[in-house]
Amino acid sequence: MSSSQEIIIDSLTNTRLANLCGQFDENLRYIEKKLSIEILSNGNNLRVIGDDQAIIVANRVIKSLYELTMDEIIRQEQVHFALKECDVLETENDSIEHKAIEDMDDRWQIQTTRKLIRPRSENQNSYLAAIMKNDLSFGIGPAGTGKTYLAVASAIKALEDDEVRRIILVRPAVEAGENLGFLPGDMSQKVDPYLRPMYDALYDMLGSDQVAKLIEQNLIEVAPLAFMRGRSLNESFLILDEAQNTTIEQMKMFLTRIGFGSRAVVTGDITQIDLPKGKKSGLVHSTQILEKIDKISFTFFTAQDVVRHDLVKLIIEAYEMDEVD
């Protein structure tokens, strides 16, 4: 049996309402589809028609999104995250379950130049807390769980708060065997394909002009893992991405670069190892020998933490089931 409820939002303005609804009300249509409800817009009033539980969820989601309209343009991505934060679960009979989750700790939210970065799951919240509290943190899990993105956000915050003097972003260039000489172009062009995901995160948070300025001032350094050998890095925030593609020797080399006043985050997906056959992953090895050391934290993500398109979560789960079989 359907019921209806009017959603009342304090300080409602036409501009923020338009931002909330999206172009041609696309944001409202997305919420309708996910919750199997109907949302009617009449001037500054929104009326939700549907199952009582779905109406409760819609109320929370819409009010949460409205809070963001002050600082952000609301797109489907934000709507998806708001629904996920309310822990909406679609069951086989298309009914909606809603399980309340604890509010995320505001201390682990990060405001960058262009956007507010917030944890989207309890695991992400724990991950951010671990990065802030420990000198060395590991984030391990499948693609789309925010491992690299949240690490980069944490590095930006540390730099802006004068906790470190520079950010160093590192990735192994496994496909080129760490031997980049045969690739065309200058050194920047040789390594860019391997470092592009971290550039993308920086651009999203700071904008391309600000990133270029920080790189020019050597406050941000992006480099392949091979370039770290022999260095000792003090007062730096180091991020090693795609760490599943390091050898044991390379992982040891990177971890021993950590100097006084520095912090490091290591991220990777141990189901996506591209090392030559017979080579053991340095990331896998590190989980076996470092997990009990104080000031080192390990956060393990699952498909439930994926914050990309809904299909990504389903694809990851399908591959996991296939591996079990």
C-alpha atoms as a PDB file:
ATOM      1  CA  MET A   1       0.000   0.000   0.000  1.00  0.00           C
ATOM      2  CA  SER A   2       1.395   3.380  -1.024  1.00  0.00           C
ATOM      3  CA  SER A   3       1.400   6.491   1.108  1.00  0.00           C
ATOM      4  CA  SER A   4       2.754   9.983   0.598  1.00  0.00           C
ATOM      5  CA  GLN A   5       4.710  12.545   2.536  1.00  0.00           C
ATOM      6  CA  GLU A   6       5.784  16.119   1.886  1.00  0.00           C
ATOM      7  CA  ILE A   7       9.476  16.787   2.352  1.00  0.00           C
ATOM      8  CA  ILE A   8      10.113  20.099   4.090  1.00  0.00           C
ATOM      9  CA  ILE A   9      13.609  21.581   3.793  1.00  0.00           C
ATOM     10  CA  ASP A  10      14.690  24.610   5.819  1.00  0.00           C
ATOM     11  CA  SER A  11      16.169  27.617   3.964  1.00  0.00           C
ATOM     12  CA  LEU A  12      14.977  26.320   0.599  1.00  0.00           C
ATOM     13  CA  THR A  13      15.927  28.518  -2.385  1.00  0.00           C
ATOM     14  CA  ASN A  14      15.083  28.100  -6.064  1.00  0.00           C
ATOM     15  CA  THR A  15      18.759  27.900  -7.052  1.00  0.00           C
ATOM     16  CA  ARG A  16      19.590  25.161  -4.575  1.00  0.00           C
ATOM     17  CA  LEU A  17      16.374  23.294  -5.367  1.00  0.00           C
ATOM     18  CA  ALA A  18      17.279  23.320  -9.081  1.00  0.00           C
ATOM     19  CA  ASN A  19      20.743  22.001  -8.193  1.00  0.00           C
ATOM     20  CA  LEU A  20      19.173  19.271  -6.070  1.00  0.00           C
ATOM     21  CA  CYS A  21      16.713  18.178  -8.758  1.00  0.00           C
ATOM     22  CA  GLY A  22      19.281  18.245 -11.584  1.00  0.00           C
ATOM     23  CA  GLN A  23      18.764  18.987 -15.266  1.00  0.00           C
ATOM     24  CA  PHE A  24      15.285  17.845 -16.304  1.00  0.00           C
ATOM     25  CA  ASP A  25      14.898  16.496 -12.726  1.00  0.00           C
ATOM     26  CA  GLU A  26      17.374  13.708 -13.530  1.00  0.00           C
ATOM     27  CA  ASN A  27      18.504  13.409  -9.891  1.00  0.00           C
ATOM     28  CA  LEU A  28      14.941  12.922  -8.696  1.00  0.00           C
ATOM     29  CA  ARG A  29      14.307  10.368 -11.439  1.00  0.00           C
ATOM     30  CA  TYR A  30      17.382   8.408 -10.295  1.00  0.00           C
ATOM     31  CA  ILE A  31      16.113   8.336  -6.691  1.00  0.00           C
ATOM     32  CA  GLU A  32      12.681   7.272  -7.934  1.00  0.00           C
ATOM     33  CA  LYS A  33      14.174   4.388  -9.883  1.00  0.00           C
ATOM     34  CA  LYS A  34      16.358   3.145  -7.021  1.00  0.00           C
ATOM     35  CA  LEU A  35      13.625   3.344  -4.367  1.00  0.00           C
ATOM     36  CA  SER A  36      10.601   2.479  -6.534  1.00  0.00           C
ATOM     37  CA  ILE A  37       8.816   5.662  -5.522  1.00  0.00           C
ATOM     38  CA  GLU A  38       7.349   8.745  -7.198  1.00  0.00           C
ATOM     39  CA  ILE A  39       8.561  12.270  -6.430  1.00  0.00           C
ATOM     40  CA  LEU A  40       6.321  15.183  -7.367  1.00  0.00           C
ATOM     41  CA  SER A  41       7.761  18.690  -7.538  1.00  0.00           C
ATOM     42  CA  ASN A  42       5.359  21.583  -7.075  1.00  0.00           C
ATOM     43  CA  GLY A  43       7.203  24.854  -6.743  1.00  0.00           C
ATOM     44  CA  ASN A  44       9.414  24.573  -3.682  1.00  0.00           C
ATOM     45  CA  ASN A  45       7.595  21.525  -2.334  1.00  0.00           C
ATOM     46  CA  LEU A  46       8.514  17.890  -2.915  1.00  0.00           C
ATOM     47  CA  ARG A  47       5.993  15.101  -2.319  1.00  0.00           C
ATOM     48  CA  VAL A  48       7.129  11.480  -2.166  1.00  0.00           C
ATOM     49  CA  ILE A  49       4.687   8.659  -2.923  1.00  0.00           C
ATOM     50  CA  GLY A  50       5.560   5.038  -2.212  1.00  0.00           C
ATOM     51  CA  ASP A  51       6.243   2.443   0.448  1.00  0.00           C
ATOM     52  CA  ASP A  52       6.569   3.875   3.968  1.00  0.00           C
ATOM     53  CA  GLN A  53      10.137   2.609   4.406  1.00  0.00           C
ATOM     54  CA  ALA A  54      11.171   3.946   0.990  1.00  0.00           C
ATOM     55  CA  ILE A  55       9.744   7.350   1.901  1.00  0.00           C
ATOM     56  CA  ILE A  56      11.918   7.430   5.037  1.00  0.00           C
ATOM     57  CA  VAL A  57      15.002   6.657   2.943  1.00  0.00           C
ATOM     58  CA  ALA A  58      14.053   9.263   0.297  1.00  0.00           C
ATOM     59  CA  ASN A  59      13.619  11.884   3.000  1.00  0.00           C
ATOM     60  CA  ARG A  60      17.107  11.226   4.355  1.00  0.00           C
ATOM     61  CA  VAL A  61      18.700  11.128   0.910  1.00  0.00           C
ATOM     62  CA  ILE A  62      17.066  14.343  -0.330  1.00  0.00           C
ATOM     63  CA  LYS A  63      17.928  16.289   2.819  1.00  0.00           C
ATOM     64  CA  SER A  64      21.498  14.973   2.711  1.00  0.00           C
ATOM     65  CA  LEU A  65      21.864  16.072  -0.918  1.00  0.00           C
ATOM     66  CA  TYR A  66      20.353  19.467  -0.188  1.00  0.00           C
ATOM     67  CA  GLU A  67      23.097  20.093   2.377  1.00  0.00           C
ATOM     68  CA  LEU A  68      25.642  19.586  -0.411  1.00  0.00           C
ATOM     69  CA  THR A  69      23.962  22.063  -2.790  1.00  0.00           C
ATOM     70  CA  MET A  70      25.609  24.968  -0.985  1.00  0.00           C
ATOM     71  CA  ASP A  71      29.088  23.923  -2.184  1.00  0.00           C
ATOM     72  CA  GLU A  72      28.700  21.269  -4.899  1.00  0.00           C
ATOM     73  CA  ILE A  73      26.905  20.638  -8.168  1.00  0.00           C
ATOM     74  CA  ILE A  74      24.716  17.594  -7.534  1.00  0.00           C
ATOM     75  CA  ARG A  75      25.138  14.896 -10.162  1.00  0.00           C
ATOM     76  CA  GLN A  76      24.212  11.225 -10.312  1.00  0.00           C
ATOM     77  CA  GLU A  77      27.480  10.342  -8.592  1.00  0.00           C
ATOM     78  CA  GLN A  78      26.511  12.275  -5.450  1.00  0.00           C
ATOM     79  CA  VAL A  79      22.989  10.822  -5.533  1.00  0.00           C
ATOM     80  CA  HIS A  80      24.430   7.308  -5.750  1.00  0.00           C
ATOM     81  CA  PHE A  81      26.718   7.982  -2.781  1.00  0.00           C
ATOM     82  CA  ALA A  82      23.845   9.432  -0.716  1.00  0.00           C
ATOM     83  CA  LEU A  83      21.790   6.299  -1.338  1.00  0.00           C
ATOM     84  CA  LYS A  84      24.772   4.117  -0.433  1.00  0.00           C
ATOM     85  CA  GLU A  85      25.351   6.038   2.795  1.00  0.00           C
ATOM     86  CA  CYS A  86      21.762   5.305   3.780  1.00  0.00           C
ATOM     87  CA  ASP A  87      22.627   1.648   3.223  1.00  0.00           C
ATOM     88  CA  VAL A  88      19.870   0.987   0.722  1.00  0.00           C
ATOM     89  CA  LEU A  89      19.625  -2.678  -0.241  1.00  0.00           C
ATOM     90  CA  GLU A  90      17.514  -3.844  -3.179  1.00  0.00           C
ATOM     91  CA  THR A  91      16.199  -7.349  -2.540  1.00  0.00           C
ATOM     92  CA  GLU A  92      15.166  -9.884  -5.142  1.00  0.00           C
ATOM     93  CA  ASN A  93      11.507  -8.895  -4.936  1.00  0.00           C
ATOM     94  CA  ASP A  94      12.421  -5.239  -5.472  1.00  0.00           C
ATOM     95  CA  SER A  95      11.387  -4.231  -1.962  1.00  0.00           C
ATOM     96  CA  ILE A  96      13.578  -1.805  -0.054  1.00  0.00           C
ATOM     97  CA  GLU A  97      15.328  -2.455   3.212  1.00  0.00           C
ATOM     98  CA  HIS A  98      16.927   0.321   5.186  1.00  0.00           C
ATOM     99  CA  LYS A  99      19.473  -0.261   7.905  1.00  0.00           C
ATOM    100  CA  ALA A 100      20.612   2.771   9.832  1.00  0.00           C
ATOM    101  CA  ILE A 101      24.369   3.228   9.980  1.00  0.00           C
ATOM    102  CA  GLU A 102      26.371   5.347  12.396  1.00  0.00           C
ATOM    103  CA  ASP A 103      27.111   8.865  11.272  1.00  0.00           C
ATOM    104  CA  MET A 104      30.621   9.197   9.950  1.00  0.00           C
ATOM    105  CA  ASP A 105      33.062  11.094  12.156  1.00  0.00           C
ATOM    106  CA  ASP A 106      33.443  14.663  10.868  1.00  0.00           C
ATOM    107  CA  ARG A 107      37.139  14.556  11.810  1.00  0.00           C
ATOM    108  CA  TRP A 108      37.811  12.314   8.823  1.00  0.00           C
ATOM    109  CA  GLN A 109      36.196  14.609   6.260  1.00  0.00           C
ATOM    110  CA  ILE A 110      38.676  16.493   4.068  1.00  0.00           C
ATOM    111  CA  GLN A 111      37.978  19.851   2.441  1.00  0.00           C
ATOM    112  CA  THR A 112      40.114  20.468  -0.643  1.00  0.00           C
ATOM    113  CA  THR A 113      40.138  23.438  -3.001  1.00  0.00           C
ATOM    114  CA  ARG A 114      37.369  22.052  -5.190  1.00  0.00           C
ATOM    115  CA  LYS A 115      35.342  19.654  -3.065  1.00  0.00           C
ATOM    116  CA  LEU A 116      34.604  18.064   0.281  1.00  0.00           C
ATOM    117  CA  ILE A 117      35.925  14.504   0.497  1.00  0.00           C
ATOM    118  CA  ARG A 118      33.860  12.299   2.776  1.00  0.00           C
ATOM    119  CA  PRO A 119      34.089   8.580   3.590  1.00  0.00           C
ATOM    120  CA  ARG A 120      31.291   6.661   1.857  1.00  0.00           C
ATOM    121  CA  SER A 121      31.356   3.542   4.038  1.00  0.00           C
ATOM    122  CA  GLU A 122      32.419   2.506   7.523  1.00  0.00           C
ATOM    123  CA  ASN A 123      35.492   0.869   6.022  1.00  0.00           C
ATOM    124  CA  GLN A 124      36.475   4.094   4.254  1.00  0.00           C
ATOM    125  CA  ASN A 125      35.942   5.967   7.514  1.00  0.00           C
ATOM    126  CA  SER A 126      38.281   3.540   9.311  1.00  0.00           C
ATOM    127  CA  TYR A 127      40.801   3.868   6.484  1.00  0.00           C
ATOM    128  CA  LEU A 128      40.934   7.671   6.723  1.00  0.00           C
ATOM    129  CA  ALA A 129      41.228   7.459  10.512  1.00  0.00           C
ATOM    130  CA  ALA A 130      44.088   4.959  10.182  1.00  0.00           C
ATOM    131  CA  ILE A 131      45.955   7.214   7.736  1.00  0.00           C
ATOM    132  CA  MET A 132      45.666  10.163  10.120  1.00  0.00           C
ATOM    133  CA  LYS A 133      46.779   8.152  13.151  1.00  0.00           C
ATOM    134  CA  ASN A 134      49.574   5.939  11.781  1.00  0.00           C
ATOM    135  CA  ASP A 135      52.951   6.529  10.157  1.00  0.00           C
ATOM    136  CA  LEU A 136      52.361   3.696   7.686  1.00  0.00           C
ATOM    137  CA  SER A 137      48.960   2.551   6.390  1.00  0.00           C
ATOM    138  CA  PHE A 138      47.942  -0.113   3.890  1.00  0.00           C
ATOM    139  CA  GLY A 139      44.716  -0.034   1.884  1.00  0.00           C
ATOM    140  CA  ILE A 140      44.058  -3.354   0.162  1.00  0.00           C
ATOM    141  CA  GLY A 141      41.049  -4.269  -1.948  1.00  0.00           C
ATOM    142  CA  PRO A 142      39.353  -4.195  -5.350  1.00  0.00           C
ATOM    143  CA  ALA A 143      39.093  -1.319  -7.802  1.00  0.00           C
ATOM    144  CA  GLY A 144      36.633   1.455  -7.033  1.00  0.00           C
ATOM    145  CA  THR A 145      36.854   1.327  -3.244  1.00  0.00           C
ATOM    146  CA  GLY A 146      38.571   4.712  -2.888  1.00  0.00           C
ATOM    147  CA  LYS A 147      41.970   3.416  -1.738  1.00  0.00           C
ATOM    148  CA  THR A 148      44.067   5.776  -3.868  1.00  0.00           C
ATOM    149  CA  TYR A 149      41.601   8.666  -3.937  1.00  0.00           C
ATOM    150  CA  LEU A 150      41.337   8.903  -0.144  1.00  0.00           C
ATOM    151  CA  ALA A 151      45.095   8.520   0.241  1.00  0.00           C
ATOM    152  CA  VAL A 152      45.676  11.440  -2.148  1.00  0.00           C
ATOM    153  CA  ALA A 153      43.074  13.519  -0.275  1.00  0.00           C
ATOM    154  CA  SER A 154      44.852  12.764   3.015  1.00  0.00           C
ATOM    155  CA  ALA A 155      48.169  13.818   1.488  1.00  0.00           C
ATOM    156  CA  ILE A 156      46.704  17.121   0.294  1.00  0.00           C
ATOM    157  CA  LYS A 157      45.319  17.802   3.767  1.00  0.00           C
ATOM    158  CA  ALA A 158      48.687  17.043   5.390  1.00  0.00           C
ATOM    159  CA  LEU A 159      50.434  19.414   2.972  1.00  0.00           C
ATOM    160  CA  GLU A 160      47.909  22.217   3.464  1.00  0.00           C
ATOM    161  CA  ASP A 161      48.086  21.796   7.266  1.00  0.00           C
ATOM    162  CA  ASP A 162      51.911  22.050   7.131  1.00  0.00           C
ATOM    163  CA  GLU A 163      52.269  18.545   8.560  1.00  0.00           C
ATOM    164  CA  VAL A 164      54.574  17.647   5.661  1.00  0.00           C
ATOM    165  CA  ARG A 165      56.634  19.672   3.196  1.00  0.00           C
ATOM    166  CA  ARG A 166      55.805  17.692   0.053  1.00  0.00           C
ATOM    167  CA  ILE A 167      53.787  14.864  -1.445  1.00  0.00           C
ATOM    168  CA  ILE A 168      55.462  12.016  -3.312  1.00  0.00           C
ATOM    169  CA  LEU A 169      53.226   9.764  -5.428  1.00  0.00           C
ATOM    170  CA  VAL A 170      54.783   6.503  -6.628  1.00  0.00           C
ATOM    171  CA  ARG A 171      53.729   3.603  -8.855  1.00  0.00           C
ATOM    172  CA  PRO A 172      55.603   0.602 -10.249  1.00  0.00           C
ATOM    173  CA  ALA A 173      55.833   0.515 -14.040  1.00  0.00           C
ATOM    174  CA  VAL A 174      55.527  -3.255 -14.289  1.00  0.00           C
ATOM    175  CA  GLU A 175      54.444  -3.408 -17.921  1.00  0.00           C
ATOM    176  CA  ALA A 176      57.713  -1.772 -18.932  1.00  0.00           C
ATOM    177  CA  GLY A 177      59.721  -3.911 -16.525  1.00  0.00           C
ATOM    178  CA  GLU A 178      60.847  -0.726 -14.744  1.00  0.00           C
ATOM    179  CA  ASN A 179      62.968  -0.137 -17.857  1.00  0.00           C
ATOM    180  CA  LEU A 180      61.426   2.902 -19.499  1.00  0.00           C
ATOM    181  CA  GLY A 181      64.204   3.660 -21.951  1.00  0.00           C
ATOM    182  CA  PHE A 182      62.607   2.098 -25.014  1.00  0.00           C
ATOM    183  CA  LEU A 183      59.351   4.040 -24.681  1.00  0.00           C
ATOM    184  CA  PRO A 184      58.942   7.108 -26.955  1.00  0.00           C
ATOM    185  CA  GLY A 185      59.092  10.680 -25.682  1.00  0.00           C
ATOM    186  CA  ASP A 186      60.869  12.454 -22.837  1.00  0.00           C
ATOM    187  CA  MET A 187      60.859  11.102 -19.269  1.00  0.00           C
ATOM    188  CA  SER A 188      57.560  12.771 -18.389  1.00  0.00           C
ATOM    189  CA  GLN A 189      55.871  11.219 -21.411  1.00  0.00           C
ATOM    190  CA  LYS A 190      57.385   7.805 -20.621  1.00  0.00           C
ATOM    191  CA  VAL A 191      55.985   7.599 -17.080  1.00  0.00           C
ATOM    192  CA  ASP A 192      52.691   9.486 -17.508  1.00  0.00           C
ATOM    193  CA  PRO A 193      50.609   6.437 -18.550  1.00  0.00           C
ATOM    194  CA  TYR A 194      51.498   4.682 -15.283  1.00  0.00           C
ATOM    195  CA  LEU A 195      50.861   7.726 -13.083  1.00  0.00           C
ATOM    196  CA  ARG A 196      47.708   9.046 -14.763  1.00  0.00           C
ATOM    197  CA  PRO A 197      45.246   7.755 -12.095  1.00  0.00           C
ATOM    198  CA  MET A 198      46.983   9.802  -9.395  1.00  0.00           C
ATOM    199  CA  TYR A 199      47.065  12.892 -11.636  1.00  0.00           C
ATOM    200  CA  ASP A 200      43.323  12.438 -12.156  1.00  0.00           C
ATOM    201  CA  ALA A 201      42.711  12.401  -8.389  1.00  0.00           C
ATOM    202  CA  LEU A 202      44.821  15.541  -7.929  1.00  0.00           C
ATOM    203  CA  TYR A 203      43.023  17.388 -10.737  1.00  0.00           C
ATOM    204  CA  ASP A 204      39.640  16.430  -9.286  1.00  0.00           C
ATOM    205  CA  MET A 205      40.512  17.827  -5.861  1.00  0.00           C
ATOM    206  CA  LEU A 206      42.686  20.839  -6.694  1.00  0.00           C
ATOM    207  CA  GLY A 207      42.206  21.693 -10.363  1.00  0.00           C
ATOM    208  CA  SER A 208      44.833  21.383 -13.086  1.00  0.00           C
ATOM    209  CA  ASP A 209      46.296  24.882 -12.591  1.00  0.00           C
ATOM    210  CA  GLN A 210      46.905  24.364  -8.865  1.00  0.00           C
ATOM    211  CA  VAL A 211      48.392  20.914  -9.443  1.00  0.00           C
ATOM    212  CA  ALA A 212      50.754  22.274 -12.112  1.00  0.00           C
ATOM    213  CA  LYS A 213      51.846  25.042  -9.735  1.00  0.00           C
ATOM    214  CA  LEU A 214      52.543  22.588  -6.882  1.00  0.00           C
ATOM    215  CA  ILE A 215      54.498  20.275  -9.191  1.00  0.00           C
ATOM    216  CA  GLU A 216      56.544  23.220 -10.485  1.00  0.00           C
ATOM    217  CA  GLN A 217      57.345  24.176  -6.879  1.00  0.00           C
ATOM    218  CA  ASN A 218      58.353  20.560  -6.145  1.00  0.00           C
ATOM    219  CA  LEU A 219      55.654  20.332  -3.481  1.00  0.00           C
ATOM    220  CA  ILE A 220      54.157  17.410  -5.393  1.00  0.00           C
ATOM    221  CA  GLU A 221      56.387  14.823  -7.029  1.00  0.00           C
ATOM    222  CA  VAL A 222      55.037  11.998  -9.165  1.00  0.00           C
ATOM    223  CA  ALA A 223      57.537   9.291 -10.055  1.00  0.00           C
ATOM    224  CA  PRO A 224      57.919   5.598 -10.937  1.00  0.00           C
ATOM    225  CA  LEU A 225      59.070   3.311  -8.136  1.00  0.00           C
ATOM    226  CA  ALA A 226      62.497   2.748  -9.718  1.00  0.00           C
ATOM    227  CA  PHE A 227      63.360   6.413  -9.030  1.00  0.00           C
ATOM    228  CA  MET A 228      63.001   5.938  -5.239  1.00  0.00           C
ATOM    229  CA  ARG A 229      66.128   3.818  -4.819  1.00  0.00           C
ATOM    230  CA  GLY A 230      68.808   5.470  -2.689  1.00  0.00           C
ATOM    231  CA  ARG A 231      66.605   8.308  -1.434  1.00  0.00           C
ATOM    232  CA  SER A 232      65.736   9.166   2.171  1.00  0.00           C
ATOM    233  CA  LEU A 233      62.560  11.231   2.394  1.00  0.00           C
ATOM    234  CA  ASN A 234      61.928  13.395   5.457  1.00  0.00           C
ATOM    235  CA  GLU A 235      58.752  15.402   6.187  1.00  0.00           C
ATOM    236  CA  SER A 236      57.012  13.872   3.183  1.00  0.00           C
ATOM    237  CA  PHE A 237      53.710  12.153   2.510  1.00  0.00           C
ATOM    238  CA  LEU A 238      54.445   9.113   0.360  1.00  0.00           C
ATOM    239  CA  ILE A 239      51.828   7.087  -1.518  1.00  0.00           C
ATOM    240  CA  LEU A 240      52.713   3.827  -3.266  1.00  0.00           C
ATOM    241  CA  ASP A 241      49.866   2.893  -5.590  1.00  0.00           C
ATOM    242  CA  GLU A 242      49.334  -0.452  -7.392  1.00  0.00           C
ATOM    243  CA  ALA A 243      51.638  -1.995  -4.803  1.00  0.00           C
ATOM    244  CA  GLN A 244      50.550  -5.528  -5.710  1.00  0.00           C
ATOM    245  CA  ASN A 245      52.946  -5.158  -8.662  1.00  0.00           C
ATOM    246  CA  THR A 246      56.017  -4.623  -6.513  1.00  0.00           C
ATOM    247  CA  THR A 247      58.449  -7.410  -5.768  1.00  0.00           C
ATOM    248  CA  ILE A 248      59.464  -8.133  -2.167  1.00  0.00           C
ATOM    249  CA  GLU A 249      62.743  -6.274  -2.772  1.00  0.00           C
ATOM    250  CA  GLN A 250      60.968  -3.231  -4.225  1.00  0.00           C
ATOM    251  CA  MET A 251      58.510  -3.068  -1.329  1.00  0.00           C
ATOM    252  CA  LYS A 252      61.335  -3.220   1.191  1.00  0.00           C
ATOM    253  CA  MET A 253      63.161  -0.508  -0.748  1.00  0.00           C
ATOM    254  CA  PHE A 254      60.118   1.784  -0.727  1.00  0.00           C
ATOM    255  CA  LEU A 255      59.248   1.287   2.943  1.00  0.00           C
ATOM    256  CA  THR A 256      62.819   2.018   4.013  1.00  0.00           C
ATOM    257  CA  ARG A 257      62.655   5.402   2.242  1.00  0.00           C
ATOM    258  CA  ILE A 258      60.376   6.727   5.016  1.00  0.00           C
ATOM    259  CA  GLY A 259      62.249   9.455   6.886  1.00  0.00           C
ATOM    260  CA  PHE A 260      61.686  11.598   9.963  1.00  0.00           C
ATOM    261  CA  GLY A 261      58.342  13.391  10.036  1.00  0.00           C
ATOM    262  CA  SER A 262      57.040  11.371   7.075  1.00  0.00           C
ATOM    263  CA  ARG A 263      53.928   9.288   6.563  1.00  0.00           C
ATOM    264  CA  ALA A 264      53.288   6.629   3.942  1.00  0.00           C
ATOM    265  CA  VAL A 265      50.235   4.930   2.460  1.00  0.00           C
ATOM    266  CA  VAL A 266      50.471   1.761   0.371  1.00  0.00           C
ATOM    267  CA  THR A 267      47.506   0.729  -1.799  1.00  0.00           C
ATOM    268  CA  GLY A 268      46.845  -2.238  -4.032  1.00  0.00           C
ATOM    269  CA  ASP A 269      44.593  -5.065  -5.155  1.00  0.00           C
ATOM    270  CA  ILE A 270      46.104  -8.496  -4.541  1.00  0.00           C
ATOM    271  CA  THR A 271      43.710 -10.071  -7.060  1.00  0.00           C
ATOM    272  CA  GLN A 272      45.259  -8.019  -9.896  1.00  0.00           C
ATOM    273  CA  ILE A 273      48.953  -8.970  -9.763  1.00  0.00           C
ATOM    274  CA  ASP A 274      50.814  -8.453 -13.079  1.00  0.00           C
ATOM    275  CA  LEU A 275      54.265  -9.616 -11.978  1.00  0.00           C
ATOM    276  CA  PRO A 276      56.126 -12.232 -14.032  1.00  0.00           C
ATOM    277  CA  LYS A 277      55.335 -15.818 -13.126  1.00  0.00           C
ATOM    278  CA  GLY A 278      57.289 -16.980 -10.093  1.00  0.00           C
ATOM    279  CA  LYS A 279      57.685 -13.478  -8.601  1.00  0.00           C
ATOM    280  CA  LYS A 280      55.943 -13.024  -5.230  1.00  0.00           C
ATOM    281  CA  SER A 281      54.086  -9.758  -4.668  1.00  0.00           C
ATOM    282  CA  GLY A 282      55.699  -7.407  -2.179  1.00  0.00           C
ATOM    283  CA  LEU A 283      52.225  -6.333  -1.048  1.00  0.00           C
ATOM    284  CA  VAL A 284      51.151  -9.900  -0.257  1.00  0.00           C
ATOM    285  CA  HIS A 285      54.430 -10.493   1.569  1.00  0.00           C
ATOM    286  CA  SER A 286      54.062  -7.283   3.621  1.00  0.00           C
ATOM    287  CA  THR A 287      50.666  -8.363   4.957  1.00  0.00           C
ATOM    288  CA  GLN A 288      52.309 -11.516   6.284  1.00  0.00           C
ATOM    289  CA  ILE A 289      55.241  -9.918   8.106  1.00  0.00           C
ATOM    290  CA  LEU A 290      54.149  -6.378   9.103  1.00  0.00           C
ATOM    291  CA  GLU A 291      50.575  -6.715  10.334  1.00  0.00           C
ATOM    292  CA  LYS A 292      51.457  -6.929  14.041  1.00  0.00           C
ATOM    293  CA  ILE A 293      53.813  -3.931  14.133  1.00  0.00           C
ATOM    294  CA  ASP A 294      52.553  -0.871  16.026  1.00  0.00           C
ATOM    295  CA  LYS A 295      52.000   2.281  13.979  1.00  0.00           C
ATOM    296  CA  ILE A 296      51.262   0.194  10.883  1.00  0.00           C
ATOM    297  CA  SER A 297      47.605  -0.250   9.944  1.00  0.00           C
ATOM    298  CA  PHE A 298      45.927  -2.517   7.391  1.00  0.00           C
ATOM    299  CA  THR A 299      42.474  -1.790   5.956  1.00  0.00           C
ATOM    300  CA  PHE A 300      40.948  -4.494   3.778  1.00  0.00           C
ATOM    301  CA  PHE A 301      38.199  -3.416   1.374  1.00  0.00           C
ATOM    302  CA  THR A 302      35.575  -5.631  -0.263  1.00  0.00           C
ATOM    303  CA  ALA A 303      33.075  -5.267  -3.100  1.00  0.00           C
ATOM    304  CA  GLN A 304      30.678  -3.740  -0.561  1.00  0.00           C
ATOM    305  CA  ASP A 305      32.957  -0.664  -0.396  1.00  0.00           C
ATOM    306  CA  VAL A 306      32.889   0.026  -4.156  1.00  0.00           C
ATOM    307  CA  VAL A 307      31.823   3.617  -4.862  1.00  0.00           C
ATOM    308  CA  ARG A 308      31.776   3.461  -8.648  1.00  0.00           C
ATOM    309  CA  HIS A 309      28.967   2.423 -10.977  1.00  0.00           C
ATOM    310  CA  ASP A 310      26.661  -0.262  -9.524  1.00  0.00           C
ATOM    311  CA  LEU A 311      27.922  -2.702 -12.157  1.00  0.00           C
ATOM    312  CA  VAL A 312      31.479  -2.552 -10.787  1.00  0.00           C
ATOM    313  CA  LYS A 313      30.376  -4.094  -7.492  1.00  0.00           C
ATOM    314  CA  LEU A 314      28.432  -6.821  -9.304  1.00  0.00           C
ATOM    315  CA  ILE A 315      31.365  -7.559 -11.634  1.00  0.00           C
ATOM    316  CA  ILE A 316      33.786  -7.890  -8.710  1.00  0.00           C
ATOM    317  CA  GLU A 317      31.398 -10.222  -6.893  1.00  0.00           C
ATOM    318  CA  ALA A 318      30.956 -12.344 -10.041  1.00  0.00           C
ATOM    319  CA  TYR A 319      34.727 -12.785 -10.410  1.00  0.00           C
ATOM    320  CA  GLU A 320      35.063 -13.643  -6.714  1.00  0.00           C
ATOM    321  CA  MET A 321      32.379 -16.330  -7.059  1.00  0.00           C
ATOM    322  CA  ASP A 322      34.097 -17.718 -10.147  1.00  0.00           C
ATOM    323  CA  GLU A 323      37.408 -17.990  -8.268  1.00  0.00           C
ATOM    324  CA  VAL A 324      35.684 -19.903  -5.446  1.00  0.00           C
ATOM    325  CA  ASP A 325      34.173 -22.341  -7.928  1.00  0.00           C
END
